[in-house]
Amino acid sequence: MKKIGIIGSGPVAHALGNGFLKYGHEVMLSSHDLGKIKDWKEKGGDKAKIGSFADAAEFGEIIVLTVKGKVAIQAVEEAGPQNLHEKTVIDTCNPIADAPPENGVLKCFTSLDESLMEMLQEQFPEIHFVKAFNSVGNTEMVNPPDKEGKPTMFICGNNENARKEVHDILDKFGWEVSDMGKATAARAIEPLCMLWCIPGFLRNEWSHAFRLIKY
């Protein structure tokens, strides 16, 4: 089992950290305040560890980036690009702007001609980023309900082997995977977060996922 380093300590970090522990991985969550994640470590047992962003980046053979989109580049810098060299980094982040939603629609600091993941990949070309887990709630990230077929997780990234690693993780976590190819596809995948959130903001409906139906 590969070691998993998680850069972040919020609900997504906890959900995925618990998921990886469930399937036998050693996992390290990271935070600027280790007191915030002490309880997670105690509940997680011997395979649950905590540390700094740099600790998690060095520890993990596969990394999960789970911070707010606006600080994603800063978080990678703090983790140390040298600790992430040629590693698979699952990018769960969304480019959400610091502005309230309009009629349930979130605002982003990117355009349709760029994505946060492309910005990360350009800034850190030696890291193998793969976009995933950005368009579903944290409570359904691991083993989501299978209602009339598995839900679909859309992924993309420039490195084929990294996408294969993430594909295998998602398959284990109960998802059908739709590989959208290179990082450019994040321009379409990241806005799915906006669509996913609309029912929540308008009707307080947060338990759903997307499914690609093939004819």
N, C-alpha and C. Protein backbone atom coordinates (compact mmCIF):
# COMPACT_ATOMS: atom_id res chain seq x y z
N MET A 1 0.83 -1.19 0.00
CA MET A 1 0.00 0.00 0.00
C MET A 1 0.87 1.26 0.00
N LYS A 2 0.58 2.19 -0.88
CA LYS A 2 1.36 3.41 -0.94
C LYS A 2 0.96 4.36 0.19
N LYS A 3 1.95 5.10 0.67
CA LYS A 3 1.69 6.10 1.69
C LYS A 3 1.04 7.31 1.06
N ILE A 4 0.06 7.90 1.78
CA ILE A 4 -0.70 9.03 1.28
C ILE A 4 -0.43 10.26 2.14
N GLY A 5 0.04 11.33 1.51
CA GLY A 5 0.22 12.60 2.19
C GLY A 5 -0.87 13.57 1.77
N ILE A 6 -1.56 14.15 2.73
CA ILE A 6 -2.67 15.05 2.43
C ILE A 6 -2.30 16.46 2.87
N ILE A 7 -2.25 17.37 1.91
CA ILE A 7 -1.94 18.77 2.19
C ILE A 7 -3.26 19.47 2.48
N GLY A 8 -3.56 19.64 3.76
CA GLY A 8 -4.82 20.23 4.18
C GLY A 8 -5.39 19.47 5.36
N SER A 9 -6.39 20.08 6.01
CA SER A 9 -6.95 19.47 7.22
C SER A 9 -8.45 19.71 7.37
N GLY A 10 -9.10 20.14 6.29
CA GLY A 10 -10.54 20.42 6.34
C GLY A 10 -11.38 19.18 6.12
N PRO A 11 -12.69 19.37 5.86
CA PRO A 11 -13.59 18.23 5.68
C PRO A 11 -13.20 17.29 4.55
N VAL A 12 -12.68 17.82 3.45
CA VAL A 12 -12.25 16.96 2.34
C VAL A 12 -11.05 16.13 2.76
N ALA A 13 -10.11 16.76 3.45
CA ALA A 13 -8.94 16.03 3.94
C ALA A 13 -9.35 14.90 4.88
N HIS A 14 -10.27 15.19 5.79
CA HIS A 14 -10.73 14.16 6.71
C HIS A 14 -11.44 13.02 5.97
N ALA A 15 -12.32 13.37 5.03
CA ALA A 15 -13.07 12.34 4.30
C ALA A 15 -12.15 11.43 3.51
N LEU A 16 -11.22 12.01 2.77
CA LEU A 16 -10.31 11.19 1.97
C LEU A 16 -9.29 10.48 2.85
N GLY A 17 -8.84 11.15 3.91
CA GLY A 17 -7.93 10.50 4.83
C GLY A 17 -8.54 9.25 5.44
N ASN A 18 -9.79 9.35 5.85
CA ASN A 18 -10.49 8.19 6.41
C ASN A 18 -10.69 7.11 5.36
N GLY A 19 -10.95 7.54 4.12
CA GLY A 19 -11.12 6.58 3.04
C GLY A 19 -9.84 5.78 2.78
N PHE A 20 -8.73 6.47 2.74
CA PHE A 20 -7.46 5.77 2.51
C PHE A 20 -7.12 4.86 3.70
N LEU A 21 -7.40 5.30 4.91
CA LEU A 21 -7.19 4.44 6.07
C LEU A 21 -8.05 3.18 5.98
N LYS A 22 -9.27 3.36 5.54
CA LYS A 22 -10.20 2.23 5.41
C LYS A 22 -9.63 1.15 4.50
N TYR A 23 -8.90 1.58 3.48
CA TYR A 23 -8.35 0.61 2.53
C TYR A 23 -6.88 0.28 2.81
N GLY A 24 -6.44 0.54 4.02
CA GLY A 24 -5.17 0.02 4.48
C GLY A 24 -3.94 0.86 4.26
N HIS A 25 -4.10 2.10 3.80
CA HIS A 25 -2.96 2.97 3.56
C HIS A 25 -2.51 3.65 4.86
N GLU A 26 -1.23 4.00 4.91
CA GLU A 26 -0.75 4.94 5.92
C GLU A 26 -1.05 6.34 5.39
N VAL A 27 -1.56 7.21 6.26
CA VAL A 27 -2.02 8.53 5.82
C VAL A 27 -1.50 9.59 6.77
N MET A 28 -1.01 10.70 6.19
CA MET A 28 -0.63 11.86 6.99
C MET A 28 -1.44 13.07 6.58
N LEU A 29 -2.24 13.61 7.51
CA LEU A 29 -2.90 14.90 7.33
C LEU A 29 -1.95 16.00 7.78
N SER A 30 -2.13 17.19 7.24
CA SER A 30 -1.22 18.28 7.59
C SER A 30 -1.98 19.57 7.85
N SER A 31 -1.40 20.40 8.71
CA SER A 31 -2.05 21.64 9.09
C SER A 31 -1.01 22.59 9.68
N HIS A 32 -1.35 23.89 9.69
CA HIS A 32 -0.53 24.85 10.41
C HIS A 32 -0.75 24.74 11.92
N ASP A 33 -1.86 24.14 12.30
CA ASP A 33 -2.21 23.95 13.71
C ASP A 33 -2.49 22.48 13.95
N LEU A 34 -1.50 21.74 14.42
CA LEU A 34 -1.65 20.29 14.58
C LEU A 34 -2.70 19.93 15.63
N GLY A 35 -3.01 20.87 16.51
CA GLY A 35 -4.05 20.61 17.50
C GLY A 35 -5.40 20.37 16.86
N LYS A 36 -5.62 20.94 15.68
CA LYS A 36 -6.90 20.78 14.98
C LYS A 36 -7.11 19.35 14.50
N ILE A 37 -6.03 18.62 14.27
CA ILE A 37 -6.16 17.27 13.71
C ILE A 37 -5.65 16.18 14.65
N LYS A 38 -5.41 16.55 15.89
CA LYS A 38 -4.96 15.58 16.88
C LYS A 38 -6.00 14.48 17.09
N ASP A 39 -7.28 14.87 17.17
CA ASP A 39 -8.35 13.89 17.37
C ASP A 39 -8.44 12.91 16.21
N TRP A 40 -8.24 13.42 14.98
CA TRP A 40 -8.27 12.54 13.81
C TRP A 40 -7.18 11.47 13.93
N LYS A 41 -6.00 11.87 14.34
CA LYS A 41 -4.90 10.93 14.50
C LYS A 41 -5.23 9.88 15.55
N GLU A 42 -5.78 10.31 16.66
CA GLU A 42 -6.09 9.38 17.74
C GLU A 42 -7.15 8.37 17.33
N LYS A 43 -8.15 8.82 16.57
CA LYS A 43 -9.20 7.93 16.11
C LYS A 43 -8.72 7.01 14.99
N GLY A 44 -7.73 7.48 14.22
CA GLY A 44 -7.30 6.73 13.05
C GLY A 44 -6.37 5.57 13.34
N GLY A 45 -5.79 5.52 14.52
CA GLY A 45 -4.92 4.41 14.86
C GLY A 45 -3.49 4.59 14.37
N ASP A 46 -2.76 3.47 14.33
CA ASP A 46 -1.33 3.51 14.06
C ASP A 46 -0.98 4.05 12.68
N LYS A 47 -1.87 3.88 11.73
CA LYS A 47 -1.57 4.31 10.36
C LYS A 47 -1.92 5.77 10.09
N ALA A 48 -2.51 6.44 11.07
CA ALA A 48 -2.88 7.85 10.93
C ALA A 48 -1.79 8.72 11.53
N LYS A 49 -1.28 9.66 10.74
CA LYS A 49 -0.19 10.52 11.19
C LYS A 49 -0.53 11.97 10.86
N ILE A 50 0.13 12.89 11.56
CA ILE A 50 -0.09 14.31 11.28
C ILE A 50 1.27 15.01 11.21
N GLY A 51 1.28 16.16 10.51
CA GLY A 51 2.52 16.91 10.37
C GLY A 51 2.27 18.21 9.63
N SER A 52 3.35 18.84 9.23
CA SER A 52 3.27 20.07 8.44
C SER A 52 3.01 19.74 6.98
N PHE A 53 2.75 20.77 6.17
CA PHE A 53 2.57 20.55 4.74
C PHE A 53 3.81 19.86 4.16
N ALA A 54 5.00 20.33 4.56
CA ALA A 54 6.24 19.75 4.05
C ALA A 54 6.39 18.30 4.52
N ASP A 55 5.98 18.02 5.76
CA ASP A 55 6.04 16.65 6.27
C ASP A 55 5.18 15.72 5.43
N ALA A 56 3.96 16.16 5.14
CA ALA A 56 3.03 15.33 4.36
C ALA A 56 3.54 15.13 2.94
N ALA A 57 4.10 16.18 2.36
CA ALA A 57 4.62 16.09 0.99
C ALA A 57 5.79 15.12 0.91
N GLU A 58 6.63 15.14 1.92
CA GLU A 58 7.78 14.23 1.94
C GLU A 58 7.34 12.81 2.25
N PHE A 59 6.37 12.66 3.14
CA PHE A 59 5.90 11.35 3.58
C PHE A 59 5.18 10.59 2.47
N GLY A 60 4.32 11.27 1.73
CA GLY A 60 3.43 10.60 0.80
C GLY A 60 4.10 10.15 -0.49
N GLU A 61 3.72 8.96 -0.93
CA GLU A 61 4.09 8.51 -2.27
C GLU A 61 3.05 9.01 -3.28
N ILE A 62 1.84 9.18 -2.80
CA ILE A 62 0.78 9.87 -3.53
C ILE A 62 0.30 11.00 -2.62
N ILE A 63 0.05 12.17 -3.21
CA ILE A 63 -0.32 13.35 -2.45
C ILE A 63 -1.73 13.79 -2.83
N VAL A 64 -2.45 14.31 -1.84
CA VAL A 64 -3.77 14.91 -2.10
C VAL A 64 -3.71 16.37 -1.67
N LEU A 65 -4.06 17.26 -2.59
CA LEU A 65 -4.08 18.70 -2.31
C LEU A 65 -5.51 19.12 -2.02
N THR A 66 -5.78 19.54 -0.77
CA THR A 66 -7.16 19.81 -0.35
C THR A 66 -7.27 21.15 0.38
N VAL A 67 -6.78 22.19 -0.27
CA VAL A 67 -6.86 23.53 0.32
C VAL A 67 -7.78 24.41 -0.53
N LYS A 68 -8.10 25.60 -0.03
CA LYS A 68 -8.88 26.53 -0.83
C LYS A 68 -8.11 26.88 -2.09
N GLY A 69 -8.85 27.02 -3.18
CA GLY A 69 -8.20 27.25 -4.46
C GLY A 69 -7.30 28.47 -4.48
N LYS A 70 -7.70 29.51 -3.78
CA LYS A 70 -6.93 30.76 -3.83
C LYS A 70 -5.57 30.62 -3.17
N VAL A 71 -5.36 29.60 -2.33
CA VAL A 71 -4.06 29.41 -1.69
C VAL A 71 -3.37 28.13 -2.16
N ALA A 72 -3.85 27.54 -3.25
CA ALA A 72 -3.30 26.26 -3.70
C ALA A 72 -1.82 26.38 -4.08
N ILE A 73 -1.48 27.41 -4.85
CA ILE A 73 -0.08 27.58 -5.26
C ILE A 73 0.80 27.82 -4.04
N GLN A 74 0.32 28.65 -3.12
CA GLN A 74 1.06 28.94 -1.89
C GLN A 74 1.27 27.66 -1.08
N ALA A 75 0.25 26.80 -1.02
CA ALA A 75 0.35 25.56 -0.26
C ALA A 75 1.40 24.62 -0.85
N VAL A 76 1.45 24.55 -2.17
CA VAL A 76 2.47 23.71 -2.82
C VAL A 76 3.86 24.26 -2.56
N GLU A 77 3.99 25.58 -2.61
CA GLU A 77 5.28 26.20 -2.30
C GLU A 77 5.71 25.86 -0.87
N GLU A 78 4.75 25.93 0.06
CA GLU A 78 5.05 25.64 1.45
C GLU A 78 5.39 24.17 1.66
N ALA A 79 4.70 23.30 0.91
CA ALA A 79 4.98 21.86 1.02
C ALA A 79 6.36 21.51 0.48
N GLY A 80 6.83 22.35 -0.46
CA GLY A 80 8.14 22.11 -1.05
C GLY A 80 8.04 21.35 -2.35
N PRO A 81 8.14 22.03 -3.49
CA PRO A 81 8.08 21.33 -4.78
C PRO A 81 9.09 20.20 -4.89
N GLN A 82 10.23 20.33 -4.21
CA GLN A 82 11.24 19.28 -4.25
C GLN A 82 10.73 18.00 -3.59
N ASN A 83 9.80 18.14 -2.64
CA ASN A 83 9.21 16.96 -1.99
C ASN A 83 8.14 16.30 -2.85
N LEU A 84 7.69 16.99 -3.88
CA LEU A 84 6.60 16.51 -4.74
C LEU A 84 7.08 16.15 -6.14
N HIS A 85 8.38 16.19 -6.34
CA HIS A 85 8.97 15.97 -7.66
C HIS A 85 8.52 14.63 -8.26
N GLU A 86 7.84 14.70 -9.40
CA GLU A 86 7.36 13.54 -10.16
C GLU A 86 6.41 12.64 -9.37
N LYS A 87 5.81 13.17 -8.31
CA LYS A 87 4.78 12.43 -7.59
C LYS A 87 3.40 12.75 -8.17
N THR A 88 2.49 11.81 -8.02
CA THR A 88 1.09 12.04 -8.37
C THR A 88 0.46 12.89 -7.28
N VAL A 89 -0.11 14.04 -7.67
CA VAL A 89 -0.79 14.93 -6.73
C VAL A 89 -2.25 15.05 -7.17
N ILE A 90 -3.14 14.51 -6.36
CA ILE A 90 -4.58 14.60 -6.65
C ILE A 90 -5.04 15.99 -6.25
N ASP A 91 -5.45 16.75 -7.25
CA ASP A 91 -5.86 18.14 -7.05
C ASP A 91 -7.38 18.19 -6.90
N THR A 92 -7.85 18.42 -5.67
CA THR A 92 -9.29 18.48 -5.39
C THR A 92 -9.81 19.92 -5.40
N CYS A 93 -8.92 20.88 -5.65
CA CYS A 93 -9.24 22.29 -5.42
C CYS A 93 -10.12 22.88 -6.52
N ASN A 94 -10.87 23.91 -6.14
CA ASN A 94 -11.68 24.66 -7.09
C ASN A 94 -11.36 26.15 -6.99
N PRO A 95 -11.39 26.85 -8.12
CA PRO A 95 -11.02 28.27 -8.14
C PRO A 95 -12.15 29.19 -7.71
N ILE A 96 -12.67 28.97 -6.50
CA ILE A 96 -13.81 29.74 -6.02
C ILE A 96 -13.35 31.13 -5.56
N ALA A 97 -14.01 32.16 -6.04
CA ALA A 97 -13.66 33.53 -5.68
C ALA A 97 -14.26 33.91 -4.33
N ASP A 98 -13.70 34.94 -3.73
CA ASP A 98 -14.22 35.45 -2.45
C ASP A 98 -15.41 36.37 -2.73
N ALA A 99 -16.50 35.79 -3.17
CA ALA A 99 -17.72 36.54 -3.48
C ALA A 99 -18.90 35.62 -3.27
N PRO A 100 -20.04 36.15 -2.83
CA PRO A 100 -21.21 35.31 -2.61
C PRO A 100 -21.78 34.77 -3.92
N PRO A 101 -22.43 33.62 -3.89
CA PRO A 101 -23.05 33.10 -5.12
C PRO A 101 -24.18 34.00 -5.59
N GLU A 102 -24.39 34.00 -6.89
CA GLU A 102 -25.47 34.78 -7.49
C GLU A 102 -26.53 33.83 -8.04
N ASN A 103 -27.72 33.85 -7.44
CA ASN A 103 -28.78 32.91 -7.80
C ASN A 103 -28.28 31.46 -7.69
N GLY A 104 -27.47 31.21 -6.67
CA GLY A 104 -26.96 29.87 -6.44
C GLY A 104 -25.69 29.54 -7.21
N VAL A 105 -25.21 30.46 -8.03
CA VAL A 105 -24.05 30.19 -8.89
C VAL A 105 -22.80 30.83 -8.28
N LEU A 106 -21.82 29.98 -7.97
CA LEU A 106 -20.56 30.47 -7.43
C LEU A 106 -19.78 31.27 -8.47
N LYS A 107 -18.92 32.15 -7.99
CA LYS A 107 -18.05 32.90 -8.88
C LYS A 107 -16.62 32.36 -8.76
N CYS A 108 -15.91 32.38 -9.88
CA CYS A 108 -14.55 31.85 -9.92
C CYS A 108 -13.56 32.93 -10.29
N PHE A 109 -12.29 32.73 -9.91
CA PHE A 109 -11.26 33.69 -10.29
C PHE A 109 -10.54 33.28 -11.57
N THR A 110 -11.02 32.20 -12.21
CA THR A 110 -10.49 31.79 -13.51
C THR A 110 -11.52 32.10 -14.59
N SER A 111 -11.13 31.89 -15.85
CA SER A 111 -12.05 32.07 -16.97
C SER A 111 -12.25 30.72 -17.65
N LEU A 112 -13.07 30.70 -18.70
CA LEU A 112 -13.29 29.45 -19.44
C LEU A 112 -12.07 29.04 -20.25
N ASP A 113 -11.09 29.92 -20.35
CA ASP A 113 -9.89 29.63 -21.12
C ASP A 113 -8.69 29.30 -20.24
N GLU A 114 -8.93 29.06 -18.95
CA GLU A 114 -7.87 28.65 -18.05
C GLU A 114 -8.49 27.90 -16.88
N SER A 115 -7.67 27.20 -16.15
CA SER A 115 -8.15 26.48 -14.97
C SER A 115 -7.10 26.59 -13.89
N LEU A 116 -7.53 26.35 -12.66
CA LEU A 116 -6.60 26.38 -11.55
C LEU A 116 -5.55 25.29 -11.71
N MET A 117 -5.95 24.11 -12.17
CA MET A 117 -4.97 23.04 -12.29
C MET A 117 -3.92 23.36 -13.34
N GLU A 118 -4.32 24.02 -14.43
CA GLU A 118 -3.33 24.43 -15.42
C GLU A 118 -2.36 25.44 -14.83
N MET A 119 -2.85 26.32 -13.98
CA MET A 119 -1.99 27.28 -13.31
C MET A 119 -0.98 26.55 -12.41
N LEU A 120 -1.45 25.55 -11.68
CA LEU A 120 -0.56 24.76 -10.84
C LEU A 120 0.47 24.01 -11.68
N GLN A 121 0.00 23.40 -12.78
CA GLN A 121 0.90 22.62 -13.61
C GLN A 121 1.96 23.48 -14.29
N GLU A 122 1.58 24.68 -14.68
CA GLU A 122 2.55 25.60 -15.29
C GLU A 122 3.57 26.07 -14.26
N GLN A 123 3.10 26.33 -13.03
CA GLN A 123 3.99 26.80 -11.98
C GLN A 123 4.96 25.71 -11.51
N PHE A 124 4.46 24.45 -11.53
CA PHE A 124 5.25 23.32 -11.02
C PHE A 124 5.25 22.19 -12.05
N PRO A 125 6.01 22.33 -13.13
CA PRO A 125 5.94 21.38 -14.24
C PRO A 125 6.43 19.98 -13.90
N GLU A 126 7.21 19.81 -12.85
CA GLU A 126 7.74 18.49 -12.51
C GLU A 126 6.82 17.69 -11.59
N ILE A 127 5.65 18.26 -11.26
CA ILE A 127 4.67 17.56 -10.42
C ILE A 127 3.56 17.03 -11.32
N HIS A 128 3.09 15.82 -11.04
CA HIS A 128 2.06 15.18 -11.87
C HIS A 128 0.67 15.41 -11.26
N PHE A 129 0.07 16.54 -11.56
CA PHE A 129 -1.25 16.86 -11.03
C PHE A 129 -2.34 16.08 -11.77
N VAL A 130 -3.33 15.61 -11.01
CA VAL A 130 -4.52 14.98 -11.58
C VAL A 130 -5.75 15.56 -10.88
N LYS A 131 -6.64 16.14 -11.64
CA LYS A 131 -7.86 16.71 -11.08
C LYS A 131 -8.84 15.60 -10.75
N ALA A 132 -9.38 15.62 -9.52
CA ALA A 132 -10.39 14.64 -9.10
C ALA A 132 -11.03 15.13 -7.81
N PHE A 133 -12.20 14.59 -7.49
CA PHE A 133 -12.92 14.85 -6.24
C PHE A 133 -13.38 16.30 -6.10
N ASN A 134 -13.39 17.08 -7.15
CA ASN A 134 -13.73 18.50 -7.02
C ASN A 134 -15.21 18.77 -7.24
N SER A 135 -15.98 17.76 -7.69
CA SER A 135 -17.38 18.03 -8.05
C SER A 135 -18.34 17.11 -7.31
N VAL A 136 -18.02 16.86 -6.04
CA VAL A 136 -18.92 16.06 -5.20
C VAL A 136 -18.67 16.47 -3.75
N GLY A 137 -19.66 16.29 -2.90
CA GLY A 137 -19.51 16.63 -1.50
C GLY A 137 -18.62 15.65 -0.76
N ASN A 138 -18.01 16.11 0.32
CA ASN A 138 -17.06 15.25 1.04
C ASN A 138 -17.71 14.00 1.62
N THR A 139 -19.00 14.05 1.91
CA THR A 139 -19.66 12.88 2.51
C THR A 139 -19.87 11.75 1.50
N GLU A 140 -19.75 12.05 0.21
CA GLU A 140 -19.94 11.02 -0.82
C GLU A 140 -18.66 10.69 -1.57
N MET A 141 -17.52 11.16 -1.09
CA MET A 141 -16.27 10.96 -1.84
C MET A 141 -15.79 9.52 -1.84
N VAL A 142 -16.07 8.80 -0.76
CA VAL A 142 -15.62 7.42 -0.64
C VAL A 142 -16.84 6.51 -0.55
N ASN A 143 -16.92 5.56 -1.48
CA ASN A 143 -18.05 4.62 -1.55
C ASN A 143 -19.40 5.34 -1.55
N PRO A 144 -19.64 6.16 -2.57
CA PRO A 144 -20.94 6.84 -2.69
C PRO A 144 -22.05 5.83 -2.95
N PRO A 145 -23.29 6.18 -2.60
CA PRO A 145 -24.41 5.26 -2.86
C PRO A 145 -24.50 4.90 -4.34
N ASP A 146 -24.69 3.63 -4.61
CA ASP A 146 -24.82 3.14 -5.98
C ASP A 146 -26.30 3.04 -6.31
N LYS A 147 -26.83 4.09 -6.90
CA LYS A 147 -28.26 4.13 -7.25
C LYS A 147 -28.40 4.08 -8.76
N GLU A 148 -28.84 2.94 -9.26
CA GLU A 148 -29.01 2.73 -10.69
C GLU A 148 -27.70 2.94 -11.45
N GLY A 149 -26.60 2.52 -10.84
CA GLY A 149 -25.30 2.66 -11.47
C GLY A 149 -24.37 3.55 -10.68
N LYS A 150 -23.07 3.30 -10.79
CA LYS A 150 -22.10 4.09 -10.06
C LYS A 150 -22.09 5.53 -10.57
N PRO A 151 -21.85 6.50 -9.70
CA PRO A 151 -21.66 7.87 -10.17
C PRO A 151 -20.30 7.99 -10.87
N THR A 152 -20.16 9.05 -11.63
CA THR A 152 -18.96 9.25 -12.45
C THR A 152 -18.05 10.31 -11.84
N MET A 153 -16.75 10.01 -11.80
CA MET A 153 -15.77 11.00 -11.43
C MET A 153 -14.96 11.35 -12.68
N PHE A 154 -14.95 12.62 -13.03
CA PHE A 154 -14.19 13.09 -14.17
C PHE A 154 -12.78 13.46 -13.72
N ILE A 155 -11.78 12.97 -14.44
CA ILE A 155 -10.40 13.28 -14.10
C ILE A 155 -9.64 13.77 -15.32
N CYS A 156 -8.54 14.47 -15.07
CA CYS A 156 -7.65 14.86 -16.16
C CYS A 156 -6.27 15.14 -15.59
N GLY A 157 -5.28 15.14 -16.44
CA GLY A 157 -3.91 15.41 -16.03
C GLY A 157 -2.96 15.08 -17.16
N ASN A 158 -1.81 15.69 -17.18
CA ASN A 158 -0.89 15.53 -18.30
C ASN A 158 -0.14 14.21 -18.29
N ASN A 159 0.02 13.59 -17.12
CA ASN A 159 0.80 12.37 -17.03
C ASN A 159 -0.12 11.14 -17.01
N GLU A 160 0.07 10.28 -17.98
CA GLU A 160 -0.81 9.12 -18.13
C GLU A 160 -0.70 8.15 -16.95
N ASN A 161 0.52 7.92 -16.47
CA ASN A 161 0.69 7.00 -15.34
C ASN A 161 0.04 7.55 -14.07
N ALA A 162 0.11 8.86 -13.88
CA ALA A 162 -0.53 9.47 -12.71
C ALA A 162 -2.05 9.33 -12.81
N ARG A 163 -2.59 9.54 -14.01
CA ARG A 163 -4.04 9.36 -14.17
C ARG A 163 -4.44 7.92 -13.89
N LYS A 164 -3.60 6.97 -14.27
CA LYS A 164 -3.89 5.56 -14.01
C LYS A 164 -3.89 5.29 -12.50
N GLU A 165 -2.95 5.88 -11.77
CA GLU A 165 -2.93 5.72 -10.32
C GLU A 165 -4.22 6.23 -9.69
N VAL A 166 -4.65 7.41 -10.13
CA VAL A 166 -5.88 8.00 -9.58
C VAL A 166 -7.09 7.19 -10.00
N HIS A 167 -7.09 6.70 -11.24
CA HIS A 167 -8.17 5.84 -11.71
C HIS A 167 -8.33 4.63 -10.79
N ASP A 168 -7.23 4.00 -10.43
CA ASP A 168 -7.29 2.82 -9.58
C ASP A 168 -7.83 3.16 -8.18
N ILE A 169 -7.44 4.31 -7.66
CA ILE A 169 -7.96 4.76 -6.36
C ILE A 169 -9.47 4.97 -6.43
N LEU A 170 -9.90 5.66 -7.46
CA LEU A 170 -11.33 5.95 -7.61
C LEU A 170 -12.15 4.67 -7.79
N ASP A 171 -11.60 3.73 -8.53
CA ASP A 171 -12.27 2.45 -8.71
C ASP A 171 -12.45 1.75 -7.36
N LYS A 172 -11.43 1.79 -6.54
CA LYS A 172 -11.50 1.19 -5.20
C LYS A 172 -12.51 1.93 -4.33
N PHE A 173 -12.61 3.24 -4.52
CA PHE A 173 -13.52 4.07 -3.73
C PHE A 173 -14.96 4.02 -4.24
N GLY A 174 -15.23 3.24 -5.27
CA GLY A 174 -16.60 3.02 -5.72
C GLY A 174 -17.10 3.93 -6.83
N TRP A 175 -16.18 4.49 -7.62
CA TRP A 175 -16.56 5.40 -8.69
C TRP A 175 -16.36 4.78 -10.07
N GLU A 176 -17.21 5.19 -11.01
CA GLU A 176 -16.91 4.99 -12.42
C GLU A 176 -16.04 6.17 -12.83
N VAL A 177 -14.98 5.92 -13.56
CA VAL A 177 -14.04 6.98 -13.92
C VAL A 177 -14.17 7.34 -15.38
N SER A 178 -14.23 8.64 -15.63
CA SER A 178 -14.22 9.14 -17.01
C SER A 178 -12.97 10.00 -17.18
N ASP A 179 -12.00 9.46 -17.91
CA ASP A 179 -10.71 10.11 -18.11
C ASP A 179 -10.84 11.10 -19.26
N MET A 180 -10.67 12.37 -18.96
CA MET A 180 -10.83 13.44 -19.94
C MET A 180 -9.49 13.91 -20.53
N GLY A 181 -8.41 13.18 -20.25
CA GLY A 181 -7.15 13.48 -20.90
C GLY A 181 -6.33 14.55 -20.20
N LYS A 182 -5.74 15.43 -21.00
CA LYS A 182 -4.74 16.39 -20.52
C LYS A 182 -5.34 17.43 -19.57
N ALA A 183 -4.45 18.19 -18.95
CA ALA A 183 -4.85 19.18 -17.94
C ALA A 183 -5.80 20.24 -18.48
N THR A 184 -5.77 20.48 -19.78
CA THR A 184 -6.67 21.46 -20.38
C THR A 184 -8.13 21.16 -20.05
N ALA A 185 -8.46 19.88 -19.88
CA ALA A 185 -9.84 19.49 -19.60
C ALA A 185 -10.32 19.99 -18.24
N ALA A 186 -9.40 20.42 -17.39
CA ALA A 186 -9.82 20.98 -16.10
C ALA A 186 -10.64 22.25 -16.28
N ARG A 187 -10.52 22.89 -17.46
CA ARG A 187 -11.35 24.06 -17.75
C ARG A 187 -12.84 23.69 -17.74
N ALA A 188 -13.14 22.44 -18.07
CA ALA A 188 -14.53 21.97 -18.04
C ALA A 188 -14.87 21.26 -16.74
N ILE A 189 -13.90 20.58 -16.14
CA ILE A 189 -14.17 19.80 -14.93
C ILE A 189 -14.34 20.69 -13.70
N GLU A 190 -13.51 21.73 -13.58
CA GLU A 190 -13.62 22.59 -12.39
C GLU A 190 -14.98 23.28 -12.28
N PRO A 191 -15.57 23.77 -13.37
CA PRO A 191 -16.90 24.40 -13.24
C PRO A 191 -18.02 23.45 -12.83
N LEU A 192 -17.77 22.13 -12.90
CA LEU A 192 -18.79 21.20 -12.41
C LEU A 192 -19.09 21.43 -10.94
N CYS A 193 -18.13 21.97 -10.22
CA CYS A 193 -18.36 22.33 -8.82
C CYS A 193 -19.49 23.34 -8.71
N MET A 194 -19.50 24.31 -9.62
CA MET A 194 -20.54 25.33 -9.62
C MET A 194 -21.91 24.69 -9.83
N LEU A 195 -21.98 23.78 -10.80
CA LEU A 195 -23.24 23.11 -11.09
C LEU A 195 -23.67 22.24 -9.92
N TRP A 196 -22.70 21.55 -9.30
CA TRP A 196 -23.03 20.68 -8.17
C TRP A 196 -23.60 21.48 -7.00
N CYS A 197 -23.12 22.70 -6.82
CA CYS A 197 -23.52 23.52 -5.66
C CYS A 197 -24.88 24.20 -5.81
N ILE A 198 -25.35 24.40 -7.03
CA ILE A 198 -26.59 25.16 -7.23
C ILE A 198 -27.77 24.58 -6.45
N PRO A 199 -28.06 23.26 -6.52
CA PRO A 199 -29.19 22.74 -5.73
C PRO A 199 -29.00 22.96 -4.24
N GLY A 200 -27.75 22.96 -3.79
CA GLY A 200 -27.49 23.19 -2.37
C GLY A 200 -27.83 24.60 -1.95
N PHE A 201 -27.37 25.56 -2.72
CA PHE A 201 -27.64 26.96 -2.37
C PHE A 201 -29.11 27.32 -2.55
N LEU A 202 -29.76 26.75 -3.55
CA LEU A 202 -31.16 27.10 -3.80
C LEU A 202 -32.15 26.32 -2.93
N ARG A 203 -31.86 25.02 -2.68
CA ARG A 203 -32.84 24.17 -2.00
C ARG A 203 -32.25 23.36 -0.85
N ASN A 204 -31.02 23.67 -0.45
CA ASN A 204 -30.34 22.94 0.61
C ASN A 204 -30.23 21.45 0.30
N GLU A 205 -30.01 21.13 -0.98
CA GLU A 205 -29.84 19.74 -1.42
C GLU A 205 -28.35 19.53 -1.74
N TRP A 206 -27.69 18.73 -0.92
CA TRP A 206 -26.24 18.57 -1.05
C TRP A 206 -25.81 17.13 -1.28
N SER A 207 -26.74 16.19 -1.31
CA SER A 207 -26.37 14.78 -1.47
C SER A 207 -26.70 14.32 -2.89
N HIS A 208 -25.75 14.52 -3.79
CA HIS A 208 -25.93 14.09 -5.17
C HIS A 208 -24.56 14.01 -5.84
N ALA A 209 -24.54 13.39 -7.00
CA ALA A 209 -23.31 13.27 -7.77
C ALA A 209 -23.68 13.20 -9.24
N PHE A 210 -22.69 13.36 -10.12
CA PHE A 210 -22.93 13.28 -11.55
C PHE A 210 -22.72 11.85 -12.04
N ARG A 211 -23.44 11.52 -13.12
CA ARG A 211 -23.23 10.21 -13.76
C ARG A 211 -23.27 10.39 -15.26
N LEU A 212 -22.25 9.92 -15.92
CA LEU A 212 -22.17 9.97 -17.39
C LEU A 212 -22.85 8.73 -17.96
N ILE A 213 -23.89 8.92 -18.73
CA ILE A 213 -24.60 7.79 -19.34
C ILE A 213 -24.13 7.65 -20.78
N LYS A 214 -23.61 6.48 -21.11
CA LYS A 214 -23.09 6.22 -22.46
C LYS A 214 -24.08 5.40 -23.26
N TYR A 215 -24.36 5.86 -24.47
CA TYR A 215 -25.30 5.15 -25.34
C TYR A 215 -24.56 4.38 -26.42
